[in-house]
Amino acid sequence: MRIDKFLKVSRIIKRRTVAAEACDAGKIYVNGRRVKPACVLKPGDVVEVRLGTPIKFTVKALNDKVGKEDAQTLYEIHN
């Protein structure tokens, strides 16, 4: 799954276009590397979002359609 789509589906970023713009601006990192919107994620990848309050999380699962309540099951936040 593409990083921009994952960020939208998991509700970390509200809209896919905003997620794509964040990638283009260099605000999204996967496994320590700055990525473009087409970067393909896989379970176990560590993602860092540096928008507003930085957030770092590990991808647990990939699913195209999840409900609002289940969105948090797709990732695990690091402290």
PDB file of N, CA and C in Angstrom:
ATOM      1  N   MET A   1       0.837  -1.172   0.000  1.00  0.00           N
ATOM      2  CA  MET A   1       0.000   0.000   0.000  1.00  0.00           C
ATOM      3  C   MET A   1       0.887   1.243   0.000  1.00  0.00           C
ATOM      4  N   ARG A   2       0.470   2.231  -0.750  1.00  0.00           N
ATOM      5  CA  ARG A   2       1.225   3.488  -0.816  1.00  0.00           C
ATOM      6  C   ARG A   2       1.156   4.222   0.530  1.00  0.00           C
ATOM      7  N   ILE A   3       2.221   4.966   0.848  1.00  0.00           N
ATOM      8  CA  ILE A   3       2.283   5.682   2.125  1.00  0.00           C
ATOM      9  C   ILE A   3       1.182   6.726   2.236  1.00  0.00           C
ATOM     10  N   ASP A   4       0.888   7.447   1.160  1.00  0.00           N
ATOM     11  CA  ASP A   4      -0.143   8.478   1.242  1.00  0.00           C
ATOM     12  C   ASP A   4      -1.524   7.867   1.516  1.00  0.00           C
ATOM     13  N   LYS A   5      -1.797   6.725   0.926  1.00  0.00           N
ATOM     14  CA  LYS A   5      -3.074   6.052   1.166  1.00  0.00           C
ATOM     15  C   LYS A   5      -3.142   5.499   2.593  1.00  0.00           C
ATOM     16  N   PHE A   6      -2.035   4.921   3.080  1.00  0.00           N
ATOM     17  CA  PHE A   6      -2.014   4.386   4.436  1.00  0.00           C
ATOM     18  C   PHE A   6      -2.270   5.485   5.465  1.00  0.00           C
ATOM     19  N   LEU A   7      -1.642   6.642   5.279  1.00  0.00           N
ATOM     20  CA  LEU A   7      -1.823   7.733   6.236  1.00  0.00           C
ATOM     21  C   LEU A   7      -3.276   8.189   6.289  1.00  0.00           C
ATOM     22  N   LYS A   8      -3.960   8.150   5.155  1.00  0.00           N
ATOM     23  CA  LYS A   8      -5.374   8.517   5.114  1.00  0.00           C
ATOM     24  C   LYS A   8      -6.252   7.427   5.723  1.00  0.00           C
ATOM     25  N   VAL A   9      -6.040   6.174   5.314  1.00  0.00           N
ATOM     26  CA  VAL A   9      -6.857   5.058   5.814  1.00  0.00           C
ATOM     27  C   VAL A   9      -6.707   4.903   7.325  1.00  0.00           C
ATOM     28  N   SER A  10      -5.499   5.085   7.830  1.00  0.00           N
ATOM     29  CA  SER A  10      -5.259   4.941   9.266  1.00  0.00           C
ATOM     30  C   SER A  10      -5.672   6.178  10.060  1.00  0.00           C
ATOM     31  N   ARG A  11      -6.097   7.204   9.352  1.00  0.00           N
ATOM     32  CA  ARG A  11      -6.571   8.462   9.937  1.00  0.00           C
ATOM     33  C   ARG A  11      -5.485   9.220  10.701  1.00  0.00           C
ATOM     34  N   ILE A  12      -4.246   9.039  10.288  1.00  0.00           N
ATOM     35  CA  ILE A  12      -3.158   9.831  10.861  1.00  0.00           C
ATOM     36  C   ILE A  12      -3.173  11.219  10.221  1.00  0.00           C
ATOM     37  N   ILE A  13      -3.449  11.255   8.919  1.00  0.00           N
ATOM     38  CA  ILE A  13      -3.644  12.505   8.189  1.00  0.00           C
ATOM     39  C   ILE A  13      -5.027  12.427   7.548  1.00  0.00           C
ATOM     40  N   LYS A  14      -5.776  13.521   7.629  1.00  0.00           N
ATOM     41  CA  LYS A  14      -7.175  13.513   7.221  1.00  0.00           C
ATOM     42  C   LYS A  14      -7.419  13.214   5.746  1.00  0.00           C
ATOM     43  N   ARG A  15      -6.636  13.832   4.867  1.00  0.00           N
ATOM     44  CA  ARG A  15      -6.867  13.660   3.433  1.00  0.00           C
ATOM     45  C   ARG A  15      -5.629  13.132   2.727  1.00  0.00           C
ATOM     46  N   ARG A  16      -5.853  12.357   1.682  1.00  0.00           N
ATOM     47  CA  ARG A  16      -4.751  11.760   0.926  1.00  0.00           C
ATOM     48  C   ARG A  16      -3.908  12.831   0.234  1.00  0.00           C
ATOM     49  N   THR A  17      -4.539  13.886  -0.258  1.00  0.00           N
ATOM     50  CA  THR A  17      -3.774  14.948  -0.916  1.00  0.00           C
ATOM     51  C   THR A  17      -2.850  15.649   0.068  1.00  0.00           C
ATOM     52  N   VAL A  18      -3.289  15.822   1.292  1.00  0.00           N
ATOM     53  CA  VAL A  18      -2.451  16.432   2.328  1.00  0.00           C
ATOM     54  C   VAL A  18      -1.279  15.504   2.644  1.00  0.00           C
ATOM     55  N   ALA A  19      -1.537  14.201   2.697  1.00  0.00           N
ATOM     56  CA  ALA A  19      -0.472  13.226   2.940  1.00  0.00           C
ATOM     57  C   ALA A  19       0.550  13.254   1.803  1.00  0.00           C
ATOM     58  N   ALA A  20       0.075  13.336   0.566  1.00  0.00           N
ATOM     59  CA  ALA A  20       0.981  13.391  -0.587  1.00  0.00           C
ATOM     60  C   ALA A  20       1.808  14.671  -0.562  1.00  0.00           C
ATOM     61  N   GLU A  21       1.197  15.787  -0.207  1.00  0.00           N
ATOM     62  CA  GLU A  21       1.925  17.052  -0.115  1.00  0.00           C
ATOM     63  C   GLU A  21       2.975  17.000   0.991  1.00  0.00           C
ATOM     64  N   ALA A  22       2.659  16.345   2.105  1.00  0.00           N
ATOM     65  CA  ALA A  22       3.612  16.202   3.209  1.00  0.00           C
ATOM     66  C   ALA A  22       4.816  15.376   2.760  1.00  0.00           C
ATOM     67  N   CYS A  23       4.572  14.333   1.975  1.00  0.00           N
ATOM     68  CA  CYS A  23       5.669  13.517   1.444  1.00  0.00           C
ATOM     69  C   CYS A  23       6.551  14.356   0.521  1.00  0.00           C
ATOM     70  N   ASP A  24       5.906  15.101  -0.368  1.00  0.00           N
ATOM     71  CA  ASP A  24       6.654  15.941  -1.306  1.00  0.00           C
ATOM     72  C   ASP A  24       7.464  17.019  -0.591  1.00  0.00           C
ATOM     73  N   ALA A  25       6.979  17.473   0.551  1.00  0.00           N
ATOM     74  CA  ALA A  25       7.671  18.511   1.325  1.00  0.00           C
ATOM     75  C   ALA A  25       8.758  17.934   2.226  1.00  0.00           C
ATOM     76  N   GLY A  26       8.926  16.608   2.228  1.00  0.00           N
ATOM     77  CA  GLY A  26       9.978  15.990   3.034  1.00  0.00           C
ATOM     78  C   GLY A  26       9.619  15.822   4.499  1.00  0.00           C
ATOM     79  N   LYS A  27       8.346  15.727   4.815  1.00  0.00           N
ATOM     80  CA  LYS A  27       7.899  15.615   6.212  1.00  0.00           C
ATOM     81  C   LYS A  27       7.624  14.178   6.643  1.00  0.00           C
ATOM     82  N   ILE A  28       7.693  13.212   5.707  1.00  0.00           N
ATOM     83  CA  ILE A  28       7.389  11.813   6.008  1.00  0.00           C
ATOM     84  C   ILE A  28       8.638  10.966   5.790  1.00  0.00           C
ATOM     85  N   TYR A  29       8.971  10.140   6.781  1.00  0.00           N
ATOM     86  CA  TYR A  29      10.135   9.264   6.711  1.00  0.00           C
ATOM     87  C   TYR A  29       9.694   7.827   6.963  1.00  0.00           C
ATOM     88  N   VAL A  30      10.249   6.898   6.198  1.00  0.00           N
ATOM     89  CA  VAL A  30       9.994   5.473   6.402  1.00  0.00           C
ATOM     90  C   VAL A  30      11.345   4.808   6.601  1.00  0.00           C
ATOM     91  N   ASN A  31      11.514   4.151   7.733  1.00  0.00           N
ATOM     92  CA  ASN A  31      12.777   3.492   8.088  1.00  0.00           C
ATOM     93  C   ASN A  31      13.959   4.450   7.972  1.00  0.00           C
ATOM     94  N   GLY A  32      13.747   5.695   8.390  1.00  0.00           N
ATOM     95  CA  GLY A  32      14.814   6.690   8.406  1.00  0.00           C
ATOM     96  C   GLY A  32      15.071   7.391   7.087  1.00  0.00           C
ATOM     97  N   ARG A  33      14.334   7.068   6.041  1.00  0.00           N
ATOM     98  CA  ARG A  33      14.525   7.695   4.729  1.00  0.00           C
ATOM     99  C   ARG A  33      13.333   8.567   4.365  1.00  0.00           C
ATOM    100  N   ARG A  34      13.627   9.721   3.806  1.00  0.00           N
ATOM    101  CA  ARG A  34      12.565  10.588   3.306  1.00  0.00           C
ATOM    102  C   ARG A  34      11.930   9.926   2.099  1.00  0.00           C
ATOM    103  N   VAL A  35      10.596   9.934   2.012  1.00  0.00           N
ATOM    104  CA  VAL A  35       9.919   9.190   0.949  1.00  0.00           C
ATOM    105  C   VAL A  35       8.982  10.072   0.129  1.00  0.00           C
ATOM    106  N   LYS A  36       8.641   9.551  -1.037  1.00  0.00           N
ATOM    107  CA  LYS A  36       7.654  10.175  -1.917  1.00  0.00           C
ATOM    108  C   LYS A  36       6.314   9.481  -1.686  1.00  0.00           C
ATOM    109  N   PRO A  37       5.216  10.056  -2.180  1.00  0.00           N
ATOM    110  CA  PRO A  37       3.884   9.482  -1.936  1.00  0.00           C
ATOM    111  C   PRO A  37       3.707   8.049  -2.438  1.00  0.00           C
ATOM    112  N   ALA A  38       4.460   7.645  -3.439  1.00  0.00           N
ATOM    113  CA  ALA A  38       4.298   6.297  -4.014  1.00  0.00           C
ATOM    114  C   ALA A  38       5.080   5.223  -3.266  1.00  0.00           C
ATOM    115  N   CYS A  39       5.769   5.580  -2.191  1.00  0.00           N
ATOM    116  CA  CYS A  39       6.529   4.596  -1.410  1.00  0.00           C
ATOM    117  C   CYS A  39       5.590   3.498  -0.921  1.00  0.00           C
ATOM    118  N   VAL A  40       5.972   2.249  -1.155  1.00  0.00           N
ATOM    119  CA  VAL A  40       5.137   1.112  -0.769  1.00  0.00           C
ATOM    120  C   VAL A  40       5.504   0.666   0.647  1.00  0.00           C
ATOM    121  N   LEU A  41       4.504   0.612   1.513  1.00  0.00           N
ATOM    122  CA  LEU A  41       4.697   0.175   2.895  1.00  0.00           C
ATOM    123  C   LEU A  41       4.484  -1.320   3.026  1.00  0.00           C
ATOM    124  N   LYS A  42       5.104  -1.879   4.067  1.00  0.00           N
ATOM    125  CA  LYS A  42       4.865  -3.274   4.421  1.00  0.00           C
ATOM    126  C   LYS A  42       4.836  -3.348   5.951  1.00  0.00           C
ATOM    127  N   PRO A  43       4.190  -4.346   6.514  1.00  0.00           N
ATOM    128  CA  PRO A  43       4.160  -4.469   7.968  1.00  0.00           C
ATOM    129  C   PRO A  43       5.579  -4.511   8.545  1.00  0.00           C
ATOM    130  N   GLY A  44       5.783  -3.803   9.631  1.00  0.00           N
ATOM    131  CA  GLY A  44       7.089  -3.734  10.273  1.00  0.00           C
ATOM    132  C   GLY A  44       7.847  -2.455   9.950  1.00  0.00           C
ATOM    133  N   ASP A  45       7.415  -1.712   8.948  1.00  0.00           N
ATOM    134  CA  ASP A  45       8.074  -0.448   8.611  1.00  0.00           C
ATOM    135  C   ASP A  45       7.851   0.564   9.728  1.00  0.00           C
ATOM    136  N   VAL A  46       8.877   1.372   9.999  1.00  0.00           N
ATOM    137  CA  VAL A  46       8.782   2.440  10.993  1.00  0.00           C
ATOM    138  C   VAL A  46       8.588   3.747  10.243  1.00  0.00           C
ATOM    139  N   VAL A  47       7.503   4.436  10.550  1.00  0.00           N
ATOM    140  CA  VAL A  47       7.144   5.677   9.856  1.00  0.00           C
ATOM    141  C   VAL A  47       7.230   6.829  10.842  1.00  0.00           C
ATOM    142  N   GLU A  48       7.793   7.937  10.373  1.00  0.00           N
ATOM    143  CA  GLU A  48       7.860   9.148  11.182  1.00  0.00           C
ATOM    144  C   GLU A  48       7.197  10.274  10.406  1.00  0.00           C
ATOM    145  N   VAL A  49       6.223  10.920  11.032  1.00  0.00           N
ATOM    146  CA  VAL A  49       5.498  12.035  10.419  1.00  0.00           C
ATOM    147  C   VAL A  49       5.904  13.295  11.174  1.00  0.00           C
ATOM    148  N   ARG A  50       6.526  14.230  10.475  1.00  0.00           N
ATOM    149  CA  ARG A  50       7.010  15.464  11.103  1.00  0.00           C
ATOM    150  C   ARG A  50       6.130  16.647  10.700  1.00  0.00           C
ATOM    151  N   LEU A  51       4.864  16.541  10.974  1.00  0.00           N
ATOM    152  CA  LEU A  51       3.895  17.618  10.754  1.00  0.00           C
ATOM    153  C   LEU A  51       3.339  18.022  12.100  1.00  0.00           C
ATOM    154  N   GLY A  52       3.421  19.300  12.436  1.00  0.00           N
ATOM    155  CA  GLY A  52       2.929  19.722  13.751  1.00  0.00           C
ATOM    156  C   GLY A  52       3.675  18.988  14.843  1.00  0.00           C
ATOM    157  N   THR A  53       2.972  18.176  15.600  1.00  0.00           N
ATOM    158  CA  THR A  53       3.593  17.338  16.621  1.00  0.00           C
ATOM    159  C   THR A  53       4.116  16.068  15.956  1.00  0.00           C
ATOM    160  N   PRO A  54       5.428  15.839  16.008  1.00  0.00           N
ATOM    161  CA  PRO A  54       5.973  14.632  15.362  1.00  0.00           C
ATOM    162  C   PRO A  54       5.404  13.350  15.960  1.00  0.00           C
ATOM    163  N   ILE A  55       5.179  12.364  15.121  1.00  0.00           N
ATOM    164  CA  ILE A  55       4.670  11.075  15.554  1.00  0.00           C
ATOM    165  C   ILE A  55       5.486   9.980  14.867  1.00  0.00           C
ATOM    166  N   LYS A  56       5.817   8.949  15.634  1.00  0.00           N
ATOM    167  CA  LYS A  56       6.587   7.818  15.111  1.00  0.00           C
ATOM    168  C   LYS A  56       5.822   6.545  15.437  1.00  0.00           C
ATOM    169  N   PHE A  57       5.647   5.688  14.435  1.00  0.00           N
ATOM    170  CA  PHE A  57       4.873   4.477  14.640  1.00  0.00           C
ATOM    171  C   PHE A  57       5.369   3.352  13.750  1.00  0.00           C
ATOM    172  N   THR A  58       5.006   2.126  14.123  1.00  0.00           N
ATOM    173  CA  THR A  58       5.314   0.934  13.339  1.00  0.00           C
ATOM    174  C   THR A  58       4.032   0.450  12.683  1.00  0.00           C
ATOM    175  N   VAL A  59       4.128   0.110  11.405  1.00  0.00           N
ATOM    176  CA  VAL A  59       2.978  -0.407  10.669  1.00  0.00           C
ATOM    177  C   VAL A  59       2.744  -1.847  11.113  1.00  0.00           C
ATOM    178  N   LYS A  60       1.530  -2.147  11.589  1.00  0.00           N
ATOM    179  CA  LYS A  60       1.197  -3.497  12.036  1.00  0.00           C
ATOM    180  C   LYS A  60       0.451  -4.281  10.968  1.00  0.00           C
ATOM    181  N   ALA A  61      -0.407  -3.598  10.222  1.00  0.00           N
ATOM    182  CA  ALA A  61      -1.225  -4.271   9.202  1.00  0.00           C
ATOM    183  C   ALA A  61      -1.581  -3.300   8.094  1.00  0.00           C
ATOM    184  N   LEU A  62      -1.886  -3.845   6.938  1.00  0.00           N
ATOM    185  CA  LEU A  62      -2.324  -3.045   5.800  1.00  0.00           C
ATOM    186  C   LEU A  62      -3.724  -3.494   5.423  1.00  0.00           C
ATOM    187  N   ASN A  63      -4.630  -2.543   5.348  1.00  0.00           N
ATOM    188  CA  ASN A  63      -6.010  -2.855   5.002  1.00  0.00           C
ATOM    189  C   ASN A  63      -6.600  -1.637   4.297  1.00  0.00           C
ATOM    190  N   ASP A  64      -7.174  -1.854   3.114  1.00  0.00           N
ATOM    191  CA  ASP A  64      -7.717  -0.737   2.337  1.00  0.00           C
ATOM    192  C   ASP A  64      -8.922  -0.077   2.980  1.00  0.00           C
ATOM    193  N   LYS A  65      -9.734  -0.865   3.643  1.00  0.00           N
ATOM    194  CA  LYS A  65     -10.958  -0.324   4.226  1.00  0.00           C
ATOM    195  C   LYS A  65     -11.077  -0.751   5.678  1.00  0.00           C
ATOM    196  N   VAL A  66     -11.001   0.235   6.543  1.00  0.00           N
ATOM    197  CA  VAL A  66     -11.202  -0.023   7.971  1.00  0.00           C
ATOM    198  C   VAL A  66     -12.141   1.040   8.519  1.00  0.00           C
ATOM    199  N   GLY A  67     -12.875   0.668   9.534  1.00  0.00           N
ATOM    200  CA  GLY A  67     -13.764   1.620  10.189  1.00  0.00           C
ATOM    201  C   GLY A  67     -12.981   2.559  11.082  1.00  0.00           C
ATOM    202  N   LYS A  68     -13.658   3.600  11.505  1.00  0.00           N
ATOM    203  CA  LYS A  68     -13.040   4.595  12.372  1.00  0.00           C
ATOM    204  C   LYS A  68     -12.491   3.965  13.653  1.00  0.00           C
ATOM    205  N   GLU A  69     -13.236   3.014  14.202  1.00  0.00           N
ATOM    206  CA  GLU A  69     -12.829   2.375  15.453  1.00  0.00           C
ATOM    207  C   GLU A  69     -11.616   1.463  15.270  1.00  0.00           C
ATOM    208  N   ASP A  70     -11.476   0.869  14.090  1.00  0.00           N
ATOM    209  CA  ASP A  70     -10.399  -0.087  13.835  1.00  0.00           C
ATOM    210  C   ASP A  70      -9.146   0.537  13.240  1.00  0.00           C
ATOM    211  N   ALA A  71      -9.171   1.825  12.943  1.00  0.00           N
ATOM    212  CA  ALA A  71      -8.027   2.479  12.288  1.00  0.00           C
ATOM    213  C   ALA A  71      -6.753   2.376  13.123  1.00  0.00           C
ATOM    214  N   GLN A  72      -6.882   2.432  14.427  1.00  0.00           N
ATOM    215  CA  GLN A  72      -5.700   2.396  15.310  1.00  0.00           C
ATOM    216  C   GLN A  72      -5.076   1.005  15.382  1.00  0.00           C
ATOM    217  N   THR A  73      -5.739  -0.009  14.873  1.00  0.00           N
ATOM    218  CA  THR A  73      -5.157  -1.355  14.888  1.00  0.00           C
ATOM    219  C   THR A  73      -4.128  -1.529  13.771  1.00  0.00           C
ATOM    220  N   LEU A  74      -4.040  -0.561  12.865  1.00  0.00           N
ATOM    221  CA  LEU A  74      -3.106  -0.663  11.742  1.00  0.00           C
ATOM    222  C   LEU A  74      -1.679  -0.274  12.124  1.00  0.00           C
ATOM    223  N   TYR A  75      -1.507   0.401  13.259  1.00  0.00           N
ATOM    224  CA  TYR A  75      -0.173   0.875  13.651  1.00  0.00           C
ATOM    225  C   TYR A  75      -0.018   0.862  15.159  1.00  0.00           C
ATOM    226  N   GLU A  76       1.250   0.952  15.575  1.00  0.00           N
ATOM    227  CA  GLU A  76       1.581   1.020  17.011  1.00  0.00           C
ATOM    228  C   GLU A  76       2.502   2.213  17.218  1.00  0.00           C
ATOM    229  N   ILE A  77       2.085   3.137  18.053  1.00  0.00           N
ATOM    230  CA  ILE A  77       2.843   4.372  18.282  1.00  0.00           C
ATOM    231  C   ILE A  77       4.014   4.119  19.215  1.00  0.00           C
ATOM    232  N   HIS A  78       5.171   4.733  18.890  1.00  0.00           N
ATOM    233  CA  HIS A  78       6.362   4.671  19.736  1.00  0.00           C
ATOM    234  C   HIS A  78       6.362   5.874  20.660  1.00  0.00           C
ATOM    235  N   ASN A  79       6.895   5.712  21.847  1.00  0.00           N
ATOM    236  CA  ASN A  79       7.015   6.841  22.783  1.00  0.00           C
ATOM    237  C   ASN A  79       8.388   7.431  22.728  1.00  0.00           C
TER     238      ASN A  79
END
